[in-house]
Amino acid sequence: MRFAAGLVVVVLGSSTVAFANPVELGAGVGLTQASSDAQDNQSSRQADTLFARVGVFGPISAQAEIGRVDSTGSSVRSVTAAAVLELGHRRVVPFILAGVGADTQSDSVGDSNTYQRYEGGVGLEYRASGGLTIGVDLREGTRTGGPGPQVFETAPSDGGSVSGGTTHLAPLYNNALTTGEYRTARVTIGVSF
C-alpha cells in the first residue's frame, strides 16, 4: 500500500514538471462577433485581452482575463475566469478551456449594461525554451443579461402634450454587445516562469 502511494506521488510529481511552468502572463488580440451580427452582415470587433494563468494540478490551469472591446459610441470591459486543460507537454501544446465571465458596456452618454458569459474553446500554444509563449485560441459562447427594451417618451413637434403614451425606440448609440451566441478568435503572446 505504501509502495502504491509512493508511486502515485512520483508519477504526479513528474507529470506536473512536464507541463507548463506554474505561472504565465500574456496579452492577446483578436476578433469577436455575435451570431446576430454575423447574420446582419455586421463586421467583427477587435478584442484586446491581458491574462494570467496559474498551474493548479498537472495539466490543469486556472486562467484570469481582463479585456476590452471598443466601438463607435460605446466600450466594453470584461473579466473572465477559465479552467484550461493541456492535452500534451511538448513545444506545441493543444488545450481546451471552459470559462465564465461578465461584460460591462458603457456608452458615450453614461449608460451601462452588464452581461454574463459562458464560453468554451480550443487552442494551440508554442512554448519556446526561454519561457516565451505564442498561441492562438478559438472560443464560442453564450451571453445573457443586458438591457431590456429601450423606452423613450415622445412629444409632438408642435410642443403639445403626449397623448397615447410611449414609443419603443432603438438606442441612439452603437450597441457593441448583444445577447445570444458569439465567437472569438485571438492570437496571444506571453511569458511563463
N, C-alpha and C. Protein backbone atom coordinates (compact mmCIF):
# COMPACT_ATOMS: atom_id res chain seq x y z
N MET A 1 0.81 -1.19 0.00
CA MET A 1 0.00 0.00 0.00
C MET A 1 0.86 1.25 0.00
N ARG A 2 1.91 1.27 0.83
CA ARG A 2 2.81 2.44 0.84
C ARG A 2 3.52 2.57 -0.49
N PHE A 3 3.88 1.44 -1.09
CA PHE A 3 4.54 1.47 -2.39
C PHE A 3 3.63 2.13 -3.43
N ALA A 4 2.34 1.77 -3.44
CA ALA A 4 1.37 2.34 -4.39
C ALA A 4 1.22 3.84 -4.15
N ALA A 5 1.13 4.27 -2.90
CA ALA A 5 1.01 5.69 -2.59
C ALA A 5 2.26 6.44 -3.02
N GLY A 6 3.44 5.85 -2.78
CA GLY A 6 4.68 6.48 -3.22
C GLY A 6 4.78 6.58 -4.73
N LEU A 7 4.32 5.54 -5.43
CA LEU A 7 4.32 5.54 -6.89
C LEU A 7 3.40 6.64 -7.42
N VAL A 8 2.23 6.82 -6.81
CA VAL A 8 1.31 7.87 -7.24
C VAL A 8 1.96 9.24 -7.06
N VAL A 9 2.63 9.46 -5.93
CA VAL A 9 3.30 10.74 -5.68
C VAL A 9 4.39 10.99 -6.71
N VAL A 10 5.19 9.98 -7.05
CA VAL A 10 6.25 10.14 -8.04
C VAL A 10 5.68 10.43 -9.42
N VAL A 11 4.65 9.70 -9.82
CA VAL A 11 4.04 9.91 -11.14
C VAL A 11 3.42 11.30 -11.23
N LEU A 12 2.64 11.69 -10.23
CA LEU A 12 2.01 13.01 -10.27
C LEU A 12 3.05 14.12 -10.19
N GLY A 13 4.07 13.93 -9.38
CA GLY A 13 5.13 14.93 -9.29
C GLY A 13 5.88 15.10 -10.58
N SER A 14 6.18 14.01 -11.28
CA SER A 14 6.91 14.11 -12.53
C SER A 14 6.03 14.64 -13.65
N SER A 15 4.73 14.35 -13.63
CA SER A 15 3.85 14.87 -14.69
C SER A 15 3.63 16.36 -14.53
N THR A 16 3.65 16.87 -13.30
CA THR A 16 3.50 18.30 -13.09
C THR A 16 4.67 19.05 -13.71
N VAL A 17 5.88 18.53 -13.59
CA VAL A 17 7.05 19.18 -14.16
C VAL A 17 6.98 19.17 -15.69
N ALA A 18 6.37 18.17 -16.27
CA ALA A 18 6.32 18.05 -17.73
C ALA A 18 5.38 19.07 -18.36
N PHE A 19 4.46 19.61 -17.62
CA PHE A 19 3.51 20.56 -18.18
C PHE A 19 4.02 21.98 -18.01
N ALA A 20 3.17 22.96 -18.30
CA ALA A 20 3.57 24.37 -18.31
C ALA A 20 4.18 24.79 -16.99
N ASN A 21 5.01 25.83 -17.08
CA ASN A 21 5.52 26.42 -15.86
C ASN A 21 4.32 26.91 -15.04
N PRO A 22 4.49 27.04 -13.73
CA PRO A 22 3.35 27.35 -12.88
C PRO A 22 2.63 28.66 -13.18
N VAL A 23 3.33 29.67 -13.73
CA VAL A 23 2.71 30.97 -13.97
C VAL A 23 3.01 31.44 -15.39
N GLU A 24 1.99 31.96 -16.05
CA GLU A 24 2.17 32.56 -17.37
C GLU A 24 1.40 33.88 -17.41
N LEU A 25 2.04 34.94 -17.89
CA LEU A 25 1.41 36.24 -18.07
C LEU A 25 1.47 36.58 -19.55
N GLY A 26 0.38 37.16 -20.09
CA GLY A 26 0.39 37.46 -21.50
C GLY A 26 -0.68 38.42 -21.93
N ALA A 27 -0.69 38.68 -23.23
CA ALA A 27 -1.66 39.58 -23.85
C ALA A 27 -2.16 38.93 -25.13
N GLY A 28 -3.38 39.29 -25.51
CA GLY A 28 -3.96 38.75 -26.72
C GLY A 28 -4.70 39.82 -27.49
N VAL A 29 -4.78 39.62 -28.79
CA VAL A 29 -5.57 40.49 -29.65
C VAL A 29 -6.34 39.59 -30.62
N GLY A 30 -7.58 39.95 -30.88
CA GLY A 30 -8.38 39.11 -31.75
C GLY A 30 -9.64 39.80 -32.22
N LEU A 31 -10.55 39.00 -32.73
CA LEU A 31 -11.83 39.49 -33.23
C LEU A 31 -12.95 38.74 -32.54
N THR A 32 -14.04 39.44 -32.27
CA THR A 32 -15.22 38.81 -31.69
C THR A 32 -16.45 39.25 -32.48
N GLN A 33 -17.41 38.35 -32.60
CA GLN A 33 -18.63 38.67 -33.33
C GLN A 33 -19.79 37.85 -32.79
N ALA A 34 -20.91 38.54 -32.53
CA ALA A 34 -22.13 37.86 -32.11
C ALA A 34 -22.77 37.20 -33.33
N SER A 35 -23.45 36.10 -33.11
CA SER A 35 -24.14 35.40 -34.20
C SER A 35 -25.14 36.31 -34.90
N SER A 36 -25.86 37.13 -34.12
CA SER A 36 -26.84 38.03 -34.72
C SER A 36 -26.16 39.08 -35.60
N ASP A 37 -24.96 39.54 -35.21
CA ASP A 37 -24.22 40.49 -36.05
C ASP A 37 -23.78 39.83 -37.35
N ALA A 38 -23.36 38.58 -37.28
CA ALA A 38 -22.94 37.87 -38.49
C ALA A 38 -24.12 37.72 -39.45
N GLN A 39 -25.30 37.42 -38.93
CA GLN A 39 -26.49 37.28 -39.77
C GLN A 39 -26.89 38.60 -40.41
N ASP A 40 -26.60 39.72 -39.73
CA ASP A 40 -26.92 41.05 -40.26
C ASP A 40 -25.78 41.65 -41.07
N ASN A 41 -24.74 40.84 -41.37
CA ASN A 41 -23.56 41.28 -42.14
C ASN A 41 -22.82 42.44 -41.48
N GLN A 42 -22.83 42.49 -40.14
CA GLN A 42 -22.05 43.50 -39.43
C GLN A 42 -20.66 42.95 -39.19
N SER A 43 -19.68 43.83 -39.20
CA SER A 43 -18.29 43.39 -39.04
C SER A 43 -18.00 42.97 -37.61
N SER A 44 -16.94 42.17 -37.44
CA SER A 44 -16.50 41.78 -36.11
C SER A 44 -15.76 42.95 -35.47
N ARG A 45 -15.59 42.86 -34.17
CA ARG A 45 -14.93 43.93 -33.41
C ARG A 45 -13.62 43.42 -32.82
N GLN A 46 -12.66 44.32 -32.71
CA GLN A 46 -11.37 43.94 -32.13
C GLN A 46 -11.52 43.77 -30.63
N ALA A 47 -10.93 42.70 -30.10
CA ALA A 47 -10.97 42.40 -28.68
C ALA A 47 -9.53 42.28 -28.17
N ASP A 48 -9.16 43.10 -27.18
CA ASP A 48 -7.83 43.07 -26.57
C ASP A 48 -7.93 42.46 -25.18
N THR A 49 -6.94 41.63 -24.81
CA THR A 49 -7.01 40.89 -23.55
C THR A 49 -5.65 40.84 -22.86
N LEU A 50 -5.65 40.90 -21.54
CA LEU A 50 -4.50 40.57 -20.70
C LEU A 50 -4.90 39.34 -19.89
N PHE A 51 -3.96 38.40 -19.72
CA PHE A 51 -4.32 37.19 -18.96
C PHE A 51 -3.18 36.74 -18.07
N ALA A 52 -3.57 35.97 -17.04
CA ALA A 52 -2.62 35.31 -16.13
C ALA A 52 -3.10 33.88 -15.96
N ARG A 53 -2.19 32.94 -16.13
CA ARG A 53 -2.51 31.51 -16.00
C ARG A 53 -1.62 30.92 -14.91
N VAL A 54 -2.23 30.14 -14.02
CA VAL A 54 -1.51 29.52 -12.92
C VAL A 54 -1.78 28.02 -12.94
N GLY A 55 -0.70 27.23 -12.93
CA GLY A 55 -0.86 25.78 -12.88
C GLY A 55 -1.48 25.36 -11.57
N VAL A 56 -2.50 24.49 -11.66
CA VAL A 56 -3.20 24.04 -10.46
C VAL A 56 -2.78 22.62 -10.11
N PHE A 57 -2.88 21.73 -11.11
CA PHE A 57 -2.55 20.33 -10.86
C PHE A 57 -2.27 19.66 -12.20
N GLY A 58 -1.05 19.22 -12.42
CA GLY A 58 -0.70 18.54 -13.66
C GLY A 58 -1.07 19.37 -14.88
N PRO A 59 -1.94 18.86 -15.74
CA PRO A 59 -2.29 19.57 -16.97
C PRO A 59 -3.39 20.62 -16.80
N ILE A 60 -3.87 20.83 -15.57
CA ILE A 60 -4.98 21.76 -15.34
C ILE A 60 -4.46 23.08 -14.80
N SER A 61 -4.91 24.18 -15.43
CA SER A 61 -4.53 25.53 -15.01
C SER A 61 -5.78 26.37 -14.81
N ALA A 62 -5.65 27.40 -13.99
CA ALA A 62 -6.70 28.41 -13.82
C ALA A 62 -6.23 29.66 -14.54
N GLN A 63 -7.12 30.29 -15.29
CA GLN A 63 -6.75 31.48 -16.06
C GLN A 63 -7.71 32.61 -15.74
N ALA A 64 -7.17 33.80 -15.49
CA ALA A 64 -7.97 35.02 -15.27
C ALA A 64 -7.65 35.98 -16.41
N GLU A 65 -8.68 36.66 -16.92
CA GLU A 65 -8.50 37.58 -18.04
C GLU A 65 -9.25 38.87 -17.78
N ILE A 66 -8.69 39.97 -18.26
CA ILE A 66 -9.41 41.23 -18.37
C ILE A 66 -9.31 41.65 -19.82
N GLY A 67 -10.36 42.25 -20.33
CA GLY A 67 -10.35 42.60 -21.74
C GLY A 67 -11.18 43.81 -22.04
N ARG A 68 -11.09 44.25 -23.32
CA ARG A 68 -11.91 45.37 -23.76
C ARG A 68 -12.25 45.21 -25.23
N VAL A 69 -13.40 45.75 -25.59
CA VAL A 69 -13.85 45.83 -26.97
C VAL A 69 -14.38 47.25 -27.13
N ASP A 70 -13.81 48.02 -28.04
CA ASP A 70 -14.26 49.39 -28.27
C ASP A 70 -14.93 49.49 -29.63
N SER A 71 -16.00 50.25 -29.70
CA SER A 71 -16.65 50.52 -30.97
C SER A 71 -17.19 51.95 -30.92
N THR A 72 -17.69 52.44 -32.01
CA THR A 72 -18.19 53.80 -32.09
C THR A 72 -19.31 54.01 -31.07
N GLY A 73 -19.10 54.93 -30.14
CA GLY A 73 -20.14 55.28 -29.19
C GLY A 73 -20.22 54.43 -27.94
N SER A 74 -19.48 53.33 -27.85
CA SER A 74 -19.54 52.51 -26.64
C SER A 74 -18.25 51.73 -26.46
N SER A 75 -18.04 51.30 -25.22
CA SER A 75 -16.89 50.44 -24.93
C SER A 75 -17.33 49.34 -23.98
N VAL A 76 -16.64 48.21 -24.06
CA VAL A 76 -16.96 47.05 -23.25
C VAL A 76 -15.72 46.65 -22.46
N ARG A 77 -15.88 46.43 -21.17
CA ARG A 77 -14.82 45.91 -20.33
C ARG A 77 -15.28 44.54 -19.84
N SER A 78 -14.37 43.57 -19.84
CA SER A 78 -14.77 42.21 -19.48
C SER A 78 -13.79 41.59 -18.50
N VAL A 79 -14.29 40.65 -17.72
CA VAL A 79 -13.48 39.80 -16.86
C VAL A 79 -13.91 38.36 -17.10
N THR A 80 -12.94 37.45 -17.09
CA THR A 80 -13.22 36.04 -17.35
C THR A 80 -12.39 35.18 -16.41
N ALA A 81 -12.98 34.10 -15.92
CA ALA A 81 -12.27 33.06 -15.17
C ALA A 81 -12.45 31.77 -15.96
N ALA A 82 -11.34 31.09 -16.25
CA ALA A 82 -11.42 29.88 -17.08
C ALA A 82 -10.55 28.77 -16.50
N ALA A 83 -10.95 27.55 -16.79
CA ALA A 83 -10.14 26.37 -16.49
C ALA A 83 -9.55 25.90 -17.82
N VAL A 84 -8.24 25.62 -17.82
CA VAL A 84 -7.53 25.21 -19.03
C VAL A 84 -6.98 23.80 -18.82
N LEU A 85 -7.25 22.93 -19.78
CA LEU A 85 -6.74 21.56 -19.74
C LEU A 85 -5.79 21.37 -20.91
N GLU A 86 -4.50 21.18 -20.60
CA GLU A 86 -3.49 20.95 -21.63
C GLU A 86 -3.54 19.50 -22.08
N LEU A 87 -3.43 19.29 -23.40
CA LEU A 87 -3.54 17.95 -23.95
C LEU A 87 -2.20 17.39 -24.41
N GLY A 88 -1.14 17.86 -23.81
CA GLY A 88 0.19 17.37 -24.15
C GLY A 88 1.22 18.17 -23.40
N HIS A 89 2.50 17.84 -23.63
CA HIS A 89 3.56 18.57 -22.93
C HIS A 89 4.80 18.71 -23.80
N ARG A 90 4.61 19.01 -25.07
CA ARG A 90 5.72 19.24 -25.99
C ARG A 90 5.88 20.74 -26.20
N ARG A 91 6.66 21.11 -27.20
CA ARG A 91 6.81 22.54 -27.53
C ARG A 91 5.51 23.15 -28.03
N VAL A 92 4.72 22.38 -28.79
CA VAL A 92 3.41 22.83 -29.25
C VAL A 92 2.36 22.07 -28.46
N VAL A 93 1.56 22.82 -27.69
CA VAL A 93 0.62 22.21 -26.75
C VAL A 93 -0.82 22.57 -27.13
N PRO A 94 -1.64 21.60 -27.51
CA PRO A 94 -3.06 21.87 -27.69
C PRO A 94 -3.74 21.93 -26.32
N PHE A 95 -4.81 22.70 -26.23
CA PHE A 95 -5.55 22.77 -24.97
C PHE A 95 -7.03 23.04 -25.25
N ILE A 96 -7.84 22.74 -24.23
CA ILE A 96 -9.26 23.11 -24.25
C ILE A 96 -9.52 23.96 -23.01
N LEU A 97 -10.52 24.81 -23.10
CA LEU A 97 -10.82 25.66 -21.96
C LEU A 97 -12.32 25.85 -21.81
N ALA A 98 -12.73 26.16 -20.60
CA ALA A 98 -14.13 26.50 -20.29
C ALA A 98 -14.10 27.64 -19.30
N GLY A 99 -14.96 28.64 -19.52
CA GLY A 99 -14.91 29.79 -18.65
C GLY A 99 -16.24 30.47 -18.45
N VAL A 100 -16.28 31.36 -17.47
CA VAL A 100 -17.42 32.22 -17.19
C VAL A 100 -16.89 33.64 -17.07
N GLY A 101 -17.75 34.60 -17.37
CA GLY A 101 -17.30 35.97 -17.30
C GLY A 101 -18.44 36.95 -17.23
N ALA A 102 -18.07 38.23 -17.14
CA ALA A 102 -19.03 39.33 -17.13
C ALA A 102 -18.50 40.43 -18.04
N ASP A 103 -19.41 41.05 -18.78
CA ASP A 103 -19.08 42.17 -19.65
C ASP A 103 -19.89 43.37 -19.19
N THR A 104 -19.25 44.53 -19.11
CA THR A 104 -19.94 45.77 -18.80
C THR A 104 -19.77 46.72 -19.97
N GLN A 105 -20.87 47.12 -20.56
CA GLN A 105 -20.86 48.02 -21.71
C GLN A 105 -21.24 49.41 -21.24
N SER A 106 -20.46 50.41 -21.62
CA SER A 106 -20.77 51.81 -21.32
C SER A 106 -20.86 52.58 -22.63
N ASP A 107 -21.84 53.49 -22.70
CA ASP A 107 -21.97 54.28 -23.92
C ASP A 107 -21.50 55.71 -23.68
N SER A 108 -21.52 56.50 -24.72
CA SER A 108 -20.99 57.86 -24.65
C SER A 108 -21.86 58.80 -23.83
N VAL A 109 -23.10 58.41 -23.49
CA VAL A 109 -23.95 59.26 -22.66
C VAL A 109 -23.98 58.82 -21.21
N GLY A 110 -23.17 57.82 -20.84
CA GLY A 110 -23.05 57.41 -19.45
C GLY A 110 -23.88 56.22 -19.03
N ASP A 111 -24.68 55.65 -19.92
CA ASP A 111 -25.46 54.46 -19.56
C ASP A 111 -24.56 53.23 -19.59
N SER A 112 -24.88 52.23 -18.77
CA SER A 112 -24.10 50.98 -18.80
C SER A 112 -25.03 49.79 -18.59
N ASN A 113 -24.62 48.66 -19.15
CA ASN A 113 -25.35 47.40 -19.04
C ASN A 113 -24.35 46.30 -18.72
N THR A 114 -24.80 45.29 -17.96
CA THR A 114 -23.94 44.18 -17.61
C THR A 114 -24.51 42.89 -18.20
N TYR A 115 -23.61 42.07 -18.74
CA TYR A 115 -23.95 40.79 -19.35
C TYR A 115 -23.15 39.70 -18.66
N GLN A 116 -23.68 38.47 -18.66
CA GLN A 116 -22.96 37.30 -18.16
C GLN A 116 -22.61 36.43 -19.36
N ARG A 117 -21.46 35.75 -19.29
CA ARG A 117 -20.99 34.91 -20.39
C ARG A 117 -20.60 33.54 -19.91
N TYR A 118 -20.81 32.54 -20.78
CA TYR A 118 -20.33 31.18 -20.58
C TYR A 118 -19.68 30.78 -21.90
N GLU A 119 -18.44 30.30 -21.86
CA GLU A 119 -17.75 30.00 -23.12
C GLU A 119 -16.87 28.77 -23.00
N GLY A 120 -16.58 28.20 -24.15
CA GLY A 120 -15.67 27.07 -24.25
C GLY A 120 -14.86 27.23 -25.52
N GLY A 121 -13.71 26.58 -25.56
CA GLY A 121 -12.89 26.73 -26.76
C GLY A 121 -11.72 25.78 -26.80
N VAL A 122 -10.96 25.93 -27.88
CA VAL A 122 -9.76 25.14 -28.10
C VAL A 122 -8.63 26.10 -28.47
N GLY A 123 -7.41 25.65 -28.25
CA GLY A 123 -6.27 26.48 -28.59
C GLY A 123 -5.03 25.67 -28.82
N LEU A 124 -4.00 26.36 -29.26
CA LEU A 124 -2.70 25.77 -29.53
C LEU A 124 -1.66 26.79 -29.08
N GLU A 125 -0.65 26.33 -28.32
CA GLU A 125 0.36 27.25 -27.80
C GLU A 125 1.75 26.69 -28.07
N TYR A 126 2.63 27.54 -28.62
CA TYR A 126 4.03 27.19 -28.81
C TYR A 126 4.81 27.73 -27.63
N ARG A 127 5.67 26.89 -27.04
CA ARG A 127 6.45 27.27 -25.87
C ARG A 127 7.93 27.20 -26.19
N ALA A 128 8.56 28.35 -26.30
CA ALA A 128 9.99 28.42 -26.57
C ALA A 128 10.77 28.09 -25.30
N SER A 129 12.05 27.75 -25.46
CA SER A 129 12.85 27.32 -24.31
C SER A 129 13.10 28.43 -23.30
N GLY A 130 13.06 29.69 -23.67
CA GLY A 130 13.31 30.77 -22.73
C GLY A 130 12.09 31.22 -21.96
N GLY A 131 10.94 30.59 -22.16
CA GLY A 131 9.72 30.95 -21.46
C GLY A 131 8.72 31.73 -22.31
N LEU A 132 9.12 32.12 -23.53
CA LEU A 132 8.21 32.83 -24.42
C LEU A 132 7.13 31.88 -24.92
N THR A 133 5.88 32.34 -24.94
CA THR A 133 4.77 31.54 -25.47
C THR A 133 4.04 32.33 -26.55
N ILE A 134 3.64 31.64 -27.59
CA ILE A 134 2.85 32.23 -28.67
C ILE A 134 1.69 31.28 -28.91
N GLY A 135 0.47 31.81 -28.92
CA GLY A 135 -0.67 30.92 -29.04
C GLY A 135 -1.81 31.49 -29.87
N VAL A 136 -2.76 30.64 -30.12
CA VAL A 136 -4.00 31.02 -30.80
C VAL A 136 -5.13 30.24 -30.13
N ASP A 137 -6.28 30.88 -29.95
CA ASP A 137 -7.42 30.13 -29.45
C ASP A 137 -8.70 30.60 -30.12
N LEU A 138 -9.64 29.68 -30.19
CA LEU A 138 -10.96 29.91 -30.77
C LEU A 138 -11.99 29.58 -29.71
N ARG A 139 -12.95 30.48 -29.51
CA ARG A 139 -13.95 30.28 -28.47
C ARG A 139 -15.35 30.51 -29.01
N GLU A 140 -16.29 29.83 -28.40
CA GLU A 140 -17.70 30.05 -28.70
C GLU A 140 -18.42 30.11 -27.37
N GLY A 141 -19.39 31.02 -27.27
CA GLY A 141 -20.07 31.16 -26.00
C GLY A 141 -21.46 31.71 -26.14
N THR A 142 -22.09 31.91 -24.99
CA THR A 142 -23.43 32.47 -24.90
C THR A 142 -23.41 33.63 -23.92
N ARG A 143 -24.02 34.72 -24.32
CA ARG A 143 -24.08 35.93 -23.50
C ARG A 143 -25.54 36.16 -23.11
N THR A 144 -25.79 36.44 -21.81
CA THR A 144 -27.14 36.72 -21.33
C THR A 144 -27.14 38.02 -20.56
N GLY A 145 -28.32 38.54 -20.25
CA GLY A 145 -28.44 39.77 -19.48
C GLY A 145 -28.52 40.98 -20.39
N GLY A 146 -28.06 42.11 -19.89
CA GLY A 146 -28.07 43.33 -20.69
C GLY A 146 -29.36 44.11 -20.54
N PRO A 147 -29.57 45.07 -21.44
CA PRO A 147 -30.72 45.97 -21.29
C PRO A 147 -32.03 45.30 -21.70
N GLY A 148 -33.09 45.79 -21.13
CA GLY A 148 -34.43 45.41 -21.58
C GLY A 148 -34.80 46.30 -22.76
N PRO A 149 -36.06 46.32 -23.15
CA PRO A 149 -36.46 47.18 -24.25
C PRO A 149 -36.20 48.64 -23.91
N GLN A 150 -35.76 49.40 -24.88
CA GLN A 150 -35.50 50.82 -24.69
C GLN A 150 -36.81 51.59 -24.87
N VAL A 151 -37.23 52.34 -23.86
CA VAL A 151 -38.49 53.07 -23.91
C VAL A 151 -38.19 54.55 -23.70
N PHE A 152 -38.66 55.39 -24.62
CA PHE A 152 -38.45 56.82 -24.53
C PHE A 152 -39.79 57.52 -24.70
N GLU A 153 -40.03 58.59 -23.92
CA GLU A 153 -41.23 59.40 -24.10
C GLU A 153 -41.07 60.19 -25.39
N THR A 154 -42.15 60.34 -26.13
CA THR A 154 -42.11 61.16 -27.35
C THR A 154 -43.13 62.28 -27.20
N ALA A 155 -42.84 63.41 -27.79
CA ALA A 155 -43.75 64.55 -27.75
C ALA A 155 -43.98 65.05 -29.17
N PRO A 156 -45.14 65.57 -29.46
CA PRO A 156 -45.39 66.10 -30.79
C PRO A 156 -44.44 67.26 -31.10
N SER A 157 -44.16 67.45 -32.36
CA SER A 157 -43.23 68.51 -32.77
C SER A 157 -43.78 69.90 -32.51
N ASP A 158 -45.11 70.04 -32.31
CA ASP A 158 -45.67 71.37 -32.06
C ASP A 158 -45.58 71.76 -30.59
N GLY A 159 -44.96 70.91 -29.75
CA GLY A 159 -44.77 71.23 -28.34
C GLY A 159 -45.93 70.87 -27.46
N GLY A 160 -47.00 70.29 -27.99
CA GLY A 160 -48.17 69.92 -27.20
C GLY A 160 -47.89 68.75 -26.28
N SER A 161 -48.90 68.28 -25.59
CA SER A 161 -48.73 67.17 -24.65
C SER A 161 -48.79 65.84 -25.39
N VAL A 162 -48.22 64.83 -24.75
CA VAL A 162 -48.22 63.48 -25.30
C VAL A 162 -49.58 62.85 -25.03
N SER A 163 -50.22 62.35 -26.07
CA SER A 163 -51.50 61.67 -25.86
C SER A 163 -51.38 60.27 -26.44
N GLY A 164 -51.19 59.34 -25.65
CA GLY A 164 -51.07 57.98 -26.17
C GLY A 164 -49.91 57.23 -25.58
N GLY A 165 -49.12 57.84 -24.73
CA GLY A 165 -48.11 57.07 -24.02
C GLY A 165 -46.72 57.16 -24.59
N THR A 166 -46.10 55.99 -24.75
CA THR A 166 -44.69 55.93 -25.09
C THR A 166 -44.48 55.20 -26.41
N THR A 167 -43.31 55.38 -26.95
CA THR A 167 -42.91 54.71 -28.17
C THR A 167 -41.63 53.95 -27.91
N HIS A 168 -41.51 52.74 -28.41
CA HIS A 168 -40.29 51.96 -28.26
C HIS A 168 -39.33 52.33 -29.38
N LEU A 169 -38.15 52.77 -29.02
CA LEU A 169 -37.14 53.16 -29.99
C LEU A 169 -35.85 52.42 -29.71
N ALA A 170 -35.00 52.28 -30.71
CA ALA A 170 -33.68 51.68 -30.54
C ALA A 170 -32.78 52.69 -29.85
N PRO A 171 -31.77 52.25 -29.12
CA PRO A 171 -30.82 53.17 -28.51
C PRO A 171 -30.14 54.01 -29.59
N LEU A 172 -29.69 55.19 -29.20
CA LEU A 172 -29.05 56.10 -30.15
C LEU A 172 -27.57 55.79 -30.36
N TYR A 173 -26.98 54.89 -29.59
CA TYR A 173 -25.58 54.55 -29.73
C TYR A 173 -25.41 53.18 -30.36
N ASN A 174 -24.20 52.89 -30.81
CA ASN A 174 -23.88 51.60 -31.43
C ASN A 174 -23.72 50.57 -30.33
N ASN A 175 -24.62 49.63 -30.22
CA ASN A 175 -24.58 48.60 -29.19
C ASN A 175 -23.50 47.57 -29.56
N ALA A 176 -22.42 47.56 -28.82
CA ALA A 176 -21.30 46.66 -29.13
C ALA A 176 -21.60 45.21 -28.74
N LEU A 177 -22.57 44.99 -27.87
CA LEU A 177 -22.88 43.64 -27.41
C LEU A 177 -24.34 43.31 -27.64
N THR A 178 -24.60 42.05 -27.87
CA THR A 178 -25.96 41.55 -27.93
C THR A 178 -26.01 40.25 -27.14
N THR A 179 -27.20 39.88 -26.69
CA THR A 179 -27.34 38.60 -26.03
C THR A 179 -27.35 37.50 -27.09
N GLY A 180 -27.09 36.29 -26.68
CA GLY A 180 -27.07 35.16 -27.60
C GLY A 180 -25.66 34.63 -27.79
N GLU A 181 -25.47 33.88 -28.85
CA GLU A 181 -24.18 33.23 -29.10
C GLU A 181 -23.18 34.20 -29.72
N TYR A 182 -21.91 33.93 -29.48
CA TYR A 182 -20.83 34.73 -30.07
C TYR A 182 -19.63 33.82 -30.31
N ARG A 183 -18.71 34.32 -31.12
CA ARG A 183 -17.45 33.61 -31.42
C ARG A 183 -16.29 34.60 -31.29
N THR A 184 -15.16 34.08 -30.82
CA THR A 184 -13.96 34.90 -30.69
C THR A 184 -12.76 34.10 -31.17
N ALA A 185 -11.88 34.76 -31.90
CA ALA A 185 -10.59 34.18 -32.31
C ALA A 185 -9.52 35.17 -31.89
N ARG A 186 -8.42 34.67 -31.31
CA ARG A 186 -7.36 35.58 -30.89
C ARG A 186 -5.99 34.94 -30.98
N VAL A 187 -4.99 35.80 -31.04
CA VAL A 187 -3.58 35.41 -31.02
C VAL A 187 -3.01 35.96 -29.72
N THR A 188 -2.19 35.15 -29.03
CA THR A 188 -1.62 35.56 -27.75
C THR A 188 -0.10 35.49 -27.77
N ILE A 189 0.50 36.28 -26.92
CA ILE A 189 1.94 36.19 -26.65
C ILE A 189 2.11 36.35 -25.15
N GLY A 190 3.03 35.56 -24.58
CA GLY A 190 3.18 35.62 -23.14
C GLY A 190 4.56 35.16 -22.71
N VAL A 191 4.75 35.15 -21.43
CA VAL A 191 6.00 34.65 -20.85
C VAL A 191 5.62 33.78 -19.65
N SER A 192 6.25 32.63 -19.56
CA SER A 192 5.99 31.74 -18.43
C SER A 192 7.24 31.64 -17.57
N PHE A 193 7.03 31.52 -16.29
CA PHE A 193 8.15 31.42 -15.34
C PHE A 193 7.77 30.60 -14.15
